[in-house]
Amino acid sequence: MTPEESTFINELRLRNSKDHPQPPTLDEMKRAIIILRCSRSSAAEAAAKSKGSRTKRSAPSEADIGDALADLDAM
């Protein structure tokens, strides 16, 4: 979300209160929904990409376990 869009959303939230003399218009509400949806879908895409790039760790082999236990015994 750009700084302008963030400012627009914050101002719209302030104007959405009951006592504000100028409530948001329908067009402004539609624009806010579009901005928030785009931001949310961009975040979901980024999370999916980062999740796919992680490498899975394999289980330790018996030799690795034996070495680790030997190190503990040596302490």
PDB file of N, CA and C in Angstrom:
ATOM      1  N   MET A   1       0.849  -1.165   0.000  1.00  0.00           N
ATOM      2  CA  MET A   1       0.000   0.000   0.000  1.00  0.00           C
ATOM      3  C   MET A   1       0.900   1.234   0.000  1.00  0.00           C
ATOM      4  N   THR A   2       0.575   2.152  -0.853  1.00  0.00           N
ATOM      5  CA  THR A   2       1.363   3.382  -0.943  1.00  0.00           C
ATOM      6  C   THR A   2       1.018   4.305   0.230  1.00  0.00           C
ATOM      7  N   PRO A   3       1.869   5.268   0.513  1.00  0.00           N
ATOM      8  CA  PRO A   3       1.557   6.213   1.603  1.00  0.00           C
ATOM      9  C   PRO A   3       0.267   6.998   1.346  1.00  0.00           C
ATOM     10  N   GLU A   4       0.006   7.317   0.090  1.00  0.00           N
ATOM     11  CA  GLU A   4      -1.229   8.056  -0.229  1.00  0.00           C
ATOM     12  C   GLU A   4      -2.458   7.207   0.066  1.00  0.00           C
ATOM     13  N   GLU A   5      -2.379   5.927  -0.297  1.00  0.00           N
ATOM     14  CA  GLU A   5      -3.512   5.032  -0.042  1.00  0.00           C
ATOM     15  C   GLU A   5      -3.716   4.834   1.454  1.00  0.00           C
ATOM     16  N   SER A   6      -2.630   4.712   2.181  1.00  0.00           N
ATOM     17  CA  SER A   6      -2.718   4.556   3.627  1.00  0.00           C
ATOM     18  C   SER A   6      -3.351   5.784   4.282  1.00  0.00           C
ATOM     19  N   THR A   7      -2.939   6.948   3.828  1.00  0.00           N
ATOM     20  CA  THR A   7      -3.518   8.193   4.344  1.00  0.00           C
ATOM     21  C   THR A   7      -5.004   8.277   4.013  1.00  0.00           C
ATOM     22  N   PHE A   8      -5.364   7.896   2.800  1.00  0.00           N
ATOM     23  CA  PHE A   8      -6.768   7.916   2.386  1.00  0.00           C
ATOM     24  C   PHE A   8      -7.605   7.007   3.292  1.00  0.00           C
ATOM     25  N   ILE A   9      -7.100   5.801   3.565  1.00  0.00           N
ATOM     26  CA  ILE A   9      -7.832   4.856   4.412  1.00  0.00           C
ATOM     27  C   ILE A   9      -7.976   5.410   5.829  1.00  0.00           C
ATOM     28  N   ASN A  10      -6.908   5.976   6.377  1.00  0.00           N
ATOM     29  CA  ASN A  10      -6.975   6.534   7.730  1.00  0.00           C
ATOM     30  C   ASN A  10      -7.962   7.693   7.821  1.00  0.00           C
ATOM     31  N   GLU A  11      -7.945   8.582   6.838  1.00  0.00           N
ATOM     32  CA  GLU A  11      -8.898   9.706   6.834  1.00  0.00           C
ATOM     33  C   GLU A  11     -10.329   9.208   6.700  1.00  0.00           C
ATOM     34  N   LEU A  12     -10.507   8.181   5.897  1.00  0.00           N
ATOM     35  CA  LEU A  12     -11.843   7.620   5.711  1.00  0.00           C
ATOM     36  C   LEU A  12     -12.353   7.003   7.013  1.00  0.00           C
ATOM     37  N   ARG A  13     -11.476   6.356   7.738  1.00  0.00           N
ATOM     38  CA  ARG A  13     -11.866   5.782   9.036  1.00  0.00           C
ATOM     39  C   ARG A  13     -12.284   6.871  10.009  1.00  0.00           C
ATOM     40  N   LEU A  14     -11.566   7.981  10.010  1.00  0.00           N
ATOM     41  CA  LEU A  14     -11.928   9.093  10.889  1.00  0.00           C
ATOM     42  C   LEU A  14     -13.277   9.695  10.501  1.00  0.00           C
ATOM     43  N   ARG A  15     -13.493   9.835   9.214  1.00  0.00           N
ATOM     44  CA  ARG A  15     -14.749  10.418   8.733  1.00  0.00           C
ATOM     45  C   ARG A  15     -15.932   9.474   8.904  1.00  0.00           C
ATOM     46  N   ASN A  16     -15.662   8.219   9.179  1.00  0.00           N
ATOM     47  CA  ASN A  16     -16.734   7.237   9.296  1.00  0.00           C
ATOM     48  C   ASN A  16     -17.414   7.281  10.669  1.00  0.00           C
ATOM     49  N   SER A  17     -16.919   8.090  11.583  1.00  0.00           N
ATOM     50  CA  SER A  17     -17.537   8.183  12.902  1.00  0.00           C
ATOM     51  C   SER A  17     -18.905   8.855  12.805  1.00  0.00           C
ATOM     52  N   LYS A  18     -19.719   8.605  13.800  1.00  0.00           N
ATOM     53  CA  LYS A  18     -21.090   9.128  13.803  1.00  0.00           C
ATOM     54  C   LYS A  18     -21.163  10.649  13.788  1.00  0.00           C
ATOM     55  N   ASP A  19     -20.303  11.279  14.541  1.00  0.00           N
ATOM     56  CA  ASP A  19     -20.397  12.729  14.729  1.00  0.00           C
ATOM     57  C   ASP A  19     -19.689  13.544  13.662  1.00  0.00           C
ATOM     58  N   HIS A  20     -19.065  12.904  12.703  1.00  0.00           N
ATOM     59  CA  HIS A  20     -18.328  13.664  11.685  1.00  0.00           C
ATOM     60  C   HIS A  20     -19.321  14.330  10.729  1.00  0.00           C
ATOM     61  N   PRO A  21     -19.106  15.607  10.404  1.00  0.00           N
ATOM     62  CA  PRO A  21     -20.063  16.334   9.558  1.00  0.00           C
ATOM     63  C   PRO A  21     -20.073  15.871   8.095  1.00  0.00           C
ATOM     64  N   GLN A  22     -18.999  15.261   7.635  1.00  0.00           N
ATOM     65  CA  GLN A  22     -18.939  14.842   6.234  1.00  0.00           C
ATOM     66  C   GLN A  22     -18.622  13.337   6.163  1.00  0.00           C
ATOM     67  N   PRO A  23     -19.656  12.499   6.160  1.00  0.00           N
ATOM     68  CA  PRO A  23     -19.406  11.058   6.086  1.00  0.00           C
ATOM     69  C   PRO A  23     -18.847  10.669   4.716  1.00  0.00           C
ATOM     70  N   PRO A  24     -18.184   9.526   4.631  1.00  0.00           N
ATOM     71  CA  PRO A  24     -17.615   9.101   3.349  1.00  0.00           C
ATOM     72  C   PRO A  24     -18.708   8.813   2.317  1.00  0.00           C
ATOM     73  N   THR A  25     -18.376   9.071   1.067  1.00  0.00           N
ATOM     74  CA  THR A  25     -19.324   8.798  -0.016  1.00  0.00           C
ATOM     75  C   THR A  25     -19.213   7.336  -0.429  1.00  0.00           C
ATOM     76  N   LEU A  26     -20.167   6.894  -1.202  1.00  0.00           N
ATOM     77  CA  LEU A  26     -20.169   5.526  -1.687  1.00  0.00           C
ATOM     78  C   LEU A  26     -18.945   5.252  -2.564  1.00  0.00           C
ATOM     79  N   ASP A  27     -18.573   6.205  -3.405  1.00  0.00           N
ATOM     80  CA  ASP A  27     -17.392   6.036  -4.259  1.00  0.00           C
ATOM     81  C   ASP A  27     -16.112   5.912  -3.428  1.00  0.00           C
ATOM     82  N   GLU A  28     -16.021   6.697  -2.354  1.00  0.00           N
ATOM     83  CA  GLU A  28     -14.851   6.599  -1.490  1.00  0.00           C
ATOM     84  C   GLU A  28     -14.794   5.245  -0.790  1.00  0.00           C
ATOM     85  N   MET A  29     -15.938   4.749  -0.379  1.00  0.00           N
ATOM     86  CA  MET A  29     -15.978   3.431   0.259  1.00  0.00           C
ATOM     87  C   MET A  29     -15.577   2.336  -0.726  1.00  0.00           C
ATOM     88  N   LYS A  30     -16.034   2.446  -1.972  1.00  0.00           N
ATOM     89  CA  LYS A  30     -15.661   1.469  -2.996  1.00  0.00           C
ATOM     90  C   LYS A  30     -14.159   1.497  -3.243  1.00  0.00           C
ATOM     91  N   ARG A  31     -13.596   2.704  -3.316  1.00  0.00           N
ATOM     92  CA  ARG A  31     -12.148   2.831  -3.529  1.00  0.00           C
ATOM     93  C   ARG A  31     -11.375   2.208  -2.367  1.00  0.00           C
ATOM     94  N   ALA A  32     -11.851   2.422  -1.153  1.00  0.00           N
ATOM     95  CA  ALA A  32     -11.193   1.849   0.025  1.00  0.00           C
ATOM     96  C   ALA A  32     -11.225   0.323  -0.021  1.00  0.00           C
ATOM     97  N   ILE A  33     -12.333  -0.243  -0.433  1.00  0.00           N
ATOM     98  CA  ILE A  33     -12.447  -1.694  -0.529  1.00  0.00           C
ATOM     99  C   ILE A  33     -11.476  -2.238  -1.567  1.00  0.00           C
ATOM    100  N   ILE A  34     -11.371  -1.566  -2.692  1.00  0.00           N
ATOM    101  CA  ILE A  34     -10.443  -1.998  -3.749  1.00  0.00           C
ATOM    102  C   ILE A  34      -9.002  -1.941  -3.242  1.00  0.00           C
ATOM    103  N   ILE A  35      -8.653  -0.868  -2.546  1.00  0.00           N
ATOM    104  CA  ILE A  35      -7.292  -0.722  -2.015  1.00  0.00           C
ATOM    105  C   ILE A  35      -6.995  -1.844  -1.021  1.00  0.00           C
ATOM    106  N   LEU A  36      -7.915  -2.092  -0.112  1.00  0.00           N
ATOM    107  CA  LEU A  36      -7.684  -3.115   0.902  1.00  0.00           C
ATOM    108  C   LEU A  36      -7.613  -4.508   0.299  1.00  0.00           C
ATOM    109  N   ARG A  37      -8.439  -4.795  -0.691  1.00  0.00           N
ATOM    110  CA  ARG A  37      -8.397  -6.105  -1.342  1.00  0.00           C
ATOM    111  C   ARG A  37      -7.080  -6.312  -2.078  1.00  0.00           C
ATOM    112  N   CYS A  38      -6.613  -5.297  -2.765  1.00  0.00           N
ATOM    113  CA  CYS A  38      -5.334  -5.414  -3.485  1.00  0.00           C
ATOM    114  C   CYS A  38      -4.186  -5.635  -2.513  1.00  0.00           C
ATOM    115  N   SER A  39      -4.224  -4.927  -1.417  1.00  0.00           N
ATOM    116  CA  SER A  39      -3.175  -5.065  -0.412  1.00  0.00           C
ATOM    117  C   SER A  39      -3.185  -6.467   0.189  1.00  0.00           C
ATOM    118  N   ARG A  40      -4.368  -6.976   0.458  1.00  0.00           N
ATOM    119  CA  ARG A  40      -4.491  -8.305   1.052  1.00  0.00           C
ATOM    120  C   ARG A  40      -4.054  -9.387   0.084  1.00  0.00           C
ATOM    121  N   SER A  41      -4.425  -9.267  -1.190  1.00  0.00           N
ATOM    122  CA  SER A  41      -4.032 -10.285  -2.165  1.00  0.00           C
ATOM    123  C   SER A  41      -2.531 -10.236  -2.429  1.00  0.00           C
ATOM    124  N   SER A  42      -1.934  -9.057  -2.405  1.00  0.00           N
ATOM    125  CA  SER A  42      -0.486  -8.940  -2.569  1.00  0.00           C
ATOM    126  C   SER A  42       0.246  -9.607  -1.408  1.00  0.00           C
ATOM    127  N   ALA A  43      -0.269  -9.426  -0.212  1.00  0.00           N
ATOM    128  CA  ALA A  43       0.347 -10.049   0.963  1.00  0.00           C
ATOM    129  C   ALA A  43       0.220 -11.565   0.901  1.00  0.00           C
ATOM    130  N   ALA A  44      -0.914 -12.059   0.433  1.00  0.00           N
ATOM    131  CA  ALA A  44      -1.111 -13.506   0.328  1.00  0.00           C
ATOM    132  C   ALA A  44      -0.165 -14.108  -0.709  1.00  0.00           C
ATOM    133  N   GLU A  45       0.023 -13.417  -1.826  1.00  0.00           N
ATOM    134  CA  GLU A  45       0.942 -13.902  -2.859  1.00  0.00           C
ATOM    135  C   GLU A  45       2.380 -13.937  -2.336  1.00  0.00           C
ATOM    136  N   ALA A  46       2.772 -12.922  -1.610  1.00  0.00           N
ATOM    137  CA  ALA A  46       4.130 -12.879  -1.067  1.00  0.00           C
ATOM    138  C   ALA A  46       4.346 -13.995  -0.049  1.00  0.00           C
ATOM    139  N   ALA A  47       3.340 -14.266   0.755  1.00  0.00           N
ATOM    140  CA  ALA A  47       3.453 -15.342   1.742  1.00  0.00           C
ATOM    141  C   ALA A  47       3.544 -16.695   1.061  1.00  0.00           C
ATOM    142  N   ALA A  48       2.789 -16.873  -0.013  1.00  0.00           N
ATOM    143  CA  ALA A  48       2.828 -18.147  -0.732  1.00  0.00           C
ATOM    144  C   ALA A  48       4.187 -18.357  -1.391  1.00  0.00           C
ATOM    145  N   LYS A  49       4.769 -17.298  -1.912  1.00  0.00           N
ATOM    146  CA  LYS A  49       6.085 -17.409  -2.543  1.00  0.00           C
ATOM    147  C   LYS A  49       7.151 -17.741  -1.514  1.00  0.00           C
ATOM    148  N   SER A  50       7.102 -17.096  -0.369  1.00  0.00           N
ATOM    149  CA  SER A  50       8.124 -17.350   0.641  1.00  0.00           C
ATOM    150  C   SER A  50       7.957 -18.734   1.251  1.00  0.00           C
ATOM    151  N   LYS A  51       6.737 -19.207   1.339  1.00  0.00           N
ATOM    152  CA  LYS A  51       6.494 -20.534   1.883  1.00  0.00           C
ATOM    153  C   LYS A  51       7.021 -21.600   0.935  1.00  0.00           C
ATOM    154  N   GLY A  52       6.906 -21.396  -0.353  1.00  0.00           N
ATOM    155  CA  GLY A  52       7.362 -22.363  -1.342  1.00  0.00           C
ATOM    156  C   GLY A  52       8.863 -22.404  -1.471  1.00  0.00           C
ATOM    157  N   SER A  53       9.553 -21.325  -1.096  1.00  0.00           N
ATOM    158  CA  SER A  53      11.002 -21.268  -1.274  1.00  0.00           C
ATOM    159  C   SER A  53      11.761 -21.894  -0.106  1.00  0.00           C
ATOM    160  N   ARG A  54      11.074 -22.223   0.947  1.00  0.00           N
ATOM    161  CA  ARG A  54      11.741 -22.832   2.099  1.00  0.00           C
ATOM    162  C   ARG A  54      12.120 -24.270   1.768  1.00  0.00           C
ATOM    163  N   THR A  55      13.281 -24.674   2.224  1.00  0.00           N
ATOM    164  CA  THR A  55      13.706 -26.053   2.014  1.00  0.00           C
ATOM    165  C   THR A  55      13.345 -26.866   3.241  1.00  0.00           C
ATOM    166  N   LYS A  56      12.930 -28.080   3.013  1.00  0.00           N
ATOM    167  CA  LYS A  56      12.576 -28.943   4.122  1.00  0.00           C
ATOM    168  C   LYS A  56      13.828 -29.607   4.671  1.00  0.00           C
ATOM    169  N   ARG A  57      13.877 -29.734   5.961  1.00  0.00           N
ATOM    170  CA  ARG A  57      15.006 -30.383   6.599  1.00  0.00           C
ATOM    171  C   ARG A  57      14.739 -31.876   6.638  1.00  0.00           C
ATOM    172  N   SER A  58      15.766 -32.627   6.359  1.00  0.00           N
ATOM    173  CA  SER A  58      15.620 -34.084   6.415  1.00  0.00           C
ATOM    174  C   SER A  58      15.902 -34.548   7.841  1.00  0.00           C
ATOM    175  N   ALA A  59      15.395 -35.723   8.148  1.00  0.00           N
ATOM    176  CA  ALA A  59      15.608 -36.287   9.478  1.00  0.00           C
ATOM    177  C   ALA A  59      17.091 -36.631   9.637  1.00  0.00           C
ATOM    178  N   PRO A  60      17.613 -36.496  10.839  1.00  0.00           N
ATOM    179  CA  PRO A  60      19.027 -36.824  11.041  1.00  0.00           C
ATOM    180  C   PRO A  60      19.265 -38.329  10.878  1.00  0.00           C
ATOM    181  N   SER A  61      20.431 -38.657  10.373  1.00  0.00           N
ATOM    182  CA  SER A  61      20.760 -40.071  10.175  1.00  0.00           C
ATOM    183  C   SER A  61      21.204 -40.676  11.506  1.00  0.00           C
ATOM    184  N   GLU A  62      21.301 -41.998  11.520  1.00  0.00           N
ATOM    185  CA  GLU A  62      21.722 -42.674  12.749  1.00  0.00           C
ATOM    186  C   GLU A  62      23.136 -42.256  13.142  1.00  0.00           C
ATOM    187  N   ALA A  63      23.991 -42.038  12.157  1.00  0.00           N
ATOM    188  CA  ALA A  63      25.361 -41.616  12.448  1.00  0.00           C
ATOM    189  C   ALA A  63      25.380 -40.243  13.118  1.00  0.00           C
ATOM    190  N   ASP A  64      24.522 -39.328  12.640  1.00  0.00           N
ATOM    191  CA  ASP A  64      24.444 -37.993  13.240  1.00  0.00           C
ATOM    192  C   ASP A  64      23.957 -38.075  14.681  1.00  0.00           C
ATOM    193  N   ILE A  65      22.975 -38.926  14.918  1.00  0.00           N
ATOM    194  CA  ILE A  65      22.447 -39.093  16.271  1.00  0.00           C
ATOM    195  C   ILE A  65      23.531 -39.681  17.181  1.00  0.00           C
ATOM    196  N   GLY A  66      24.230 -40.686  16.661  1.00  0.00           N
ATOM    197  CA  GLY A  66      25.303 -41.299  17.450  1.00  0.00           C
ATOM    198  C   GLY A  66      26.399 -40.300  17.787  1.00  0.00           C
ATOM    199  N   ASP A  67      26.769 -39.449  16.827  1.00  0.00           N
ATOM    200  CA  ASP A  67      27.790 -38.434  17.074  1.00  0.00           C
ATOM    201  C   ASP A  67      27.329 -37.425  18.129  1.00  0.00           C
ATOM    202  N   ALA A  68      26.079 -37.033  18.049  1.00  0.00           N
ATOM    203  CA  ALA A  68      25.544 -36.072  19.011  1.00  0.00           C
ATOM    204  C   ALA A  68      25.516 -36.672  20.417  1.00  0.00           C
ATOM    205  N   LEU A  69      25.127 -37.951  20.522  1.00  0.00           N
ATOM    206  CA  LEU A  69      25.115 -38.604  21.818  1.00  0.00           C
ATOM    207  C   LEU A  69      26.533 -38.769  22.374  1.00  0.00           C
ATOM    208  N   ALA A  70      27.487 -39.068  21.499  1.00  0.00           N
ATOM    209  CA  ALA A  70      28.880 -39.195  21.930  1.00  0.00           C
ATOM    210  C   ALA A  70      29.402 -37.850  22.428  1.00  0.00           C
ATOM    211  N   ASP A  71      29.023 -36.773  21.769  1.00  0.00           N
ATOM    212  CA  ASP A  71      29.431 -35.443  22.227  1.00  0.00           C
ATOM    213  C   ASP A  71      28.872 -35.136  23.607  1.00  0.00           C
ATOM    214  N   LEU A  72      27.608 -35.532  23.834  1.00  0.00           N
ATOM    215  CA  LEU A  72      26.998 -35.306  25.148  1.00  0.00           C
ATOM    216  C   LEU A  72      27.710 -36.123  26.227  1.00  0.00           C
ATOM    217  N   ASP A  73      28.070 -37.384  25.894  1.00  0.00           N
ATOM    218  CA  ASP A  73      28.766 -38.219  26.865  1.00  0.00           C
ATOM    219  C   ASP A  73      30.132 -37.642  27.208  1.00  0.00           C
ATOM    220  N   ALA A  74      30.753 -36.995  26.235  1.00  0.00           N
ATOM    221  CA  ALA A  74      32.090 -36.442  26.452  1.00  0.00           C
ATOM    222  C   ALA A  74      32.060 -35.190  27.331  1.00  0.00           C
ATOM    223  N   MET A  75      30.935 -34.579  27.493  1.00  0.00           N
ATOM    224  CA  MET A  75      30.846 -33.334  28.288  1.00  0.00           C
ATOM    225  C   MET A  75      30.989 -33.620  29.735  1.00  0.00           C
TER     226      MET A  75
END
